[in-house]
Amino acid sequence: TVQPKVAWLKEQGFGDVPTLLSRNPSLLSMPVEASLAPKLALLLGPLGRQIGDIEHFPRILNYSVEHLTLRHDFLAAAGKAGAHGLTRTYRSSPHTFATKLAKRSLDEFEAFVARRASTRGPHRRAADAFLARYEGEGAKDDQRRAAVAAARSRLDGLLEA
C-alpha cells in the first residue's frame, strides 16, 4: 500500500517524497481519492498554491477541505488571499488569524464562520461519522451475545438430559 501512494505523490509533482512522508507520516494512511486528491486539487487550483508550498508544510494535507476553504475565503473577503504562507494561514489561532493575517476582528471572523455554517447545512464531523458507524457494530455485538447465550442455554439443556 506504500508503493502506490509514493507513486501517486510523485505523479502529482512532489520531488522528495521520502522527506515529505517523514515530515507527515499520516499521508500514508490517507485515502487518495477521498482525501488527498481533493485537498491537493483545492490547494493547487482555487487556493493558488504551489507544490513547493505543500512540500514546505506537508501537514496542510491533514486539514479538512472545509477548514482550508473557510480560511481562504475569509482572507479573500479581506483582500489578503495568498498574502501569507500555508503554515501561518492554517496553523494560527482564530484570534491571530483574524486580527494579524486578515486585519479583521475576531468577532467578524466568528460571524463569517457562523454564516458559513448556516448556509452549508449540518456538517458531519468525523467523530459523528465514527459513532454512527460503531453504534451499528454495537447492535451486532448485542445480537451475537444473545445468540451465544441462547446456544449456551440449549447446550446446558442437552448436557443435563
Protein backbone atom coordinates (compact mmCIF):
# COMPACT_ATOMS: atom_id res chain seq x y z
CA THR A 1 0.00 0.00 0.00
CA VAL A 2 3.00 2.31 0.39
CA GLN A 3 4.29 1.98 -3.18
CA PRO A 4 1.07 3.12 -4.91
CA LYS A 5 0.85 6.14 -2.61
CA VAL A 6 4.51 7.06 -3.24
CA ALA A 7 3.96 6.69 -6.99
CA TRP A 8 0.84 8.88 -6.83
CA LEU A 9 2.67 11.60 -4.91
CA LYS A 10 5.48 11.56 -7.49
CA GLU A 11 2.91 11.77 -10.31
CA GLN A 12 1.47 14.89 -8.68
CA GLY A 13 4.86 16.58 -8.88
CA PHE A 14 6.32 16.10 -5.42
CA GLY A 15 10.09 15.86 -5.66
CA ASP A 16 11.46 14.39 -2.45
CA VAL A 17 8.65 12.05 -1.42
CA PRO A 18 10.64 10.32 1.38
CA THR A 19 11.22 13.68 3.08
CA LEU A 20 7.57 14.63 2.53
CA LEU A 21 6.47 11.40 4.21
CA SER A 22 8.96 11.75 7.05
CA ARG A 23 7.57 15.23 7.76
CA ASN A 24 3.96 13.97 7.60
CA PRO A 25 3.76 10.18 8.01
CA SER A 26 -0.03 10.31 8.28
CA LEU A 27 -0.13 10.81 4.50
CA LEU A 28 0.41 7.07 4.22
CA SER A 29 -2.89 6.37 5.92
CA MET A 30 -4.96 8.89 3.95
CA PRO A 31 -7.03 7.55 1.06
CA VAL A 32 -6.03 9.16 -2.23
CA GLU A 33 -9.46 9.55 -3.83
CA ALA A 34 -11.39 10.56 -0.72
CA SER A 35 -8.82 12.80 0.95
CA LEU A 36 -5.52 13.59 -0.71
CA ALA A 37 -6.70 14.23 -4.27
CA PRO A 38 -9.49 16.70 -3.36
CA LYS A 39 -7.24 18.64 -0.97
CA LEU A 40 -4.39 18.78 -3.45
CA ALA A 41 -6.73 19.89 -6.24
CA LEU A 42 -8.12 22.62 -4.00
CA LEU A 43 -4.70 23.84 -2.89
CA LEU A 44 -3.20 23.87 -6.39
CA GLY A 45 -6.34 25.18 -8.07
CA PRO A 46 -8.64 27.74 -6.43
CA LEU A 47 -6.29 28.44 -3.50
CA GLY A 48 -3.42 29.17 -5.89
CA ARG A 49 -0.68 27.33 -4.02
CA GLN A 50 2.33 25.52 -5.47
CA ILE A 51 3.75 22.04 -4.85
CA GLY A 52 6.70 23.72 -3.12
CA ASP A 53 4.35 25.33 -0.61
CA ILE A 54 2.93 21.92 0.25
CA GLU A 55 6.39 20.35 0.43
CA HIS A 56 7.37 23.08 2.90
CA PHE A 57 4.28 22.40 5.05
CA PRO A 58 3.02 18.89 4.21
CA ARG A 59 0.74 18.81 7.27
CA ILE A 60 -1.55 21.13 5.30
CA LEU A 61 -2.98 17.92 3.84
CA ASN A 62 -4.20 16.92 7.33
CA TYR A 63 -6.69 19.81 7.42
CA SER A 64 -10.22 19.36 6.15
CA VAL A 65 -11.35 20.88 2.86
CA GLU A 66 -13.83 22.92 4.94
CA HIS A 67 -11.05 24.41 7.08
CA LEU A 68 -8.94 25.20 4.01
CA THR A 69 -11.74 26.91 2.13
CA LEU A 70 -13.08 28.74 5.17
CA ARG A 71 -9.79 30.43 5.95
CA HIS A 72 -9.02 31.13 2.30
CA ASP A 73 -12.45 32.66 1.71
CA PHE A 74 -12.19 34.88 4.79
CA LEU A 75 -8.78 36.14 3.65
CA ALA A 76 -10.14 36.68 0.15
CA ALA A 77 -13.04 38.72 1.54
CA ALA A 78 -10.48 40.80 3.42
CA GLY A 79 -8.36 41.23 0.29
CA LYS A 80 -5.50 39.20 1.79
CA ALA A 81 -5.74 35.85 -0.02
CA GLY A 82 -2.33 34.36 -0.75
CA ALA A 83 -0.52 37.04 1.26
CA HIS A 84 0.75 34.59 3.87
CA GLY A 85 2.39 31.17 3.87
CA LEU A 86 0.43 27.99 4.46
CA THR A 87 1.84 27.45 7.94
CA ARG A 88 0.87 30.87 9.20
CA THR A 89 -2.51 30.86 7.47
CA TYR A 90 -3.71 27.47 8.65
CA ARG A 91 -1.93 26.87 11.97
CA SER A 92 -2.69 30.24 13.54
CA SER A 93 -5.25 30.51 16.32
CA PRO A 94 -8.57 32.04 15.27
CA HIS A 95 -7.60 35.29 17.03
CA THR A 96 -4.21 35.57 15.34
CA PHE A 97 -5.67 34.55 12.01
CA ALA A 98 -8.41 37.17 12.13
CA THR A 99 -6.52 40.08 13.66
CA LYS A 100 -2.98 39.66 12.34
CA LEU A 101 -3.44 37.99 8.97
CA ALA A 102 -6.84 39.21 7.80
CA LYS A 103 -6.64 42.51 9.72
CA ARG A 104 -10.22 41.99 10.94
CA SER A 105 -11.71 41.45 14.37
CA LEU A 106 -12.24 38.04 15.89
CA ASP A 107 -15.97 38.86 16.04
CA GLU A 108 -16.01 39.36 12.26
CA PHE A 109 -14.30 36.02 11.74
CA GLU A 110 -16.69 34.24 14.11
CA ALA A 111 -19.68 35.82 12.34
CA PHE A 112 -18.24 34.67 8.99
CA VAL A 113 -17.86 31.13 10.33
CA ALA A 114 -21.42 31.18 11.69
CA ARG A 115 -22.84 32.41 8.36
CA ARG A 116 -20.94 29.69 6.50
CA ALA A 117 -22.21 27.02 8.87
CA SER A 118 -25.81 28.17 8.46
CA THR A 119 -25.64 28.20 4.65
CA ARG A 120 -23.89 24.84 4.31
CA GLY A 121 -26.28 22.86 6.45
CA PRO A 122 -25.26 20.41 9.13
CA HIS A 123 -21.63 19.44 8.79
CA ARG A 124 -20.98 15.91 9.85
CA ARG A 125 -17.84 15.77 11.88
CA ALA A 126 -15.51 12.78 11.71
CA ALA A 127 -16.38 11.88 15.30
CA ASP A 128 -20.09 11.81 14.43
CA ALA A 129 -19.43 9.51 11.48
CA PHE A 130 -17.31 7.24 13.68
CA LEU A 131 -20.02 6.99 16.33
CA ALA A 132 -22.74 6.29 13.77
CA ARG A 133 -20.68 3.53 12.20
CA TYR A 134 -19.84 1.87 15.51
CA GLU A 135 -23.29 2.18 17.04
CA GLY A 136 -24.38 -0.26 14.34
CA GLU A 137 -21.50 -2.54 15.29
CA GLY A 138 -22.61 -2.38 18.94
CA ALA A 139 -26.09 -3.59 17.94
CA LYS A 140 -24.50 -6.50 16.09
CA ASP A 141 -22.47 -7.33 19.21
CA ASP A 142 -25.68 -7.38 21.30
CA GLN A 143 -27.26 -9.77 18.81
CA ARG A 144 -24.18 -12.02 18.94
CA ARG A 145 -24.22 -12.04 22.76
CA ALA A 146 -27.90 -13.01 22.74
CA ALA A 147 -27.23 -15.80 20.22
CA VAL A 148 -24.32 -17.12 22.31
CA ALA A 149 -26.45 -17.02 25.49
CA ALA A 150 -29.23 -18.92 23.72
CA ALA A 151 -26.76 -21.52 22.41
CA ARG A 152 -25.26 -21.97 25.90
CA SER A 153 -28.74 -22.44 27.35
CA ARG A 154 -29.55 -25.10 24.73
CA LEU A 155 -26.21 -26.81 25.34
CA ASP A 156 -26.78 -26.81 29.10
CA GLY A 157 -30.20 -28.36 28.48
CA LEU A 158 -28.69 -31.09 26.32
CA LEU A 159 -25.94 -31.84 28.81
CA GLU A 160 -28.45 -32.19 31.68
CA ALA A 161 -30.60 -34.63 29.72
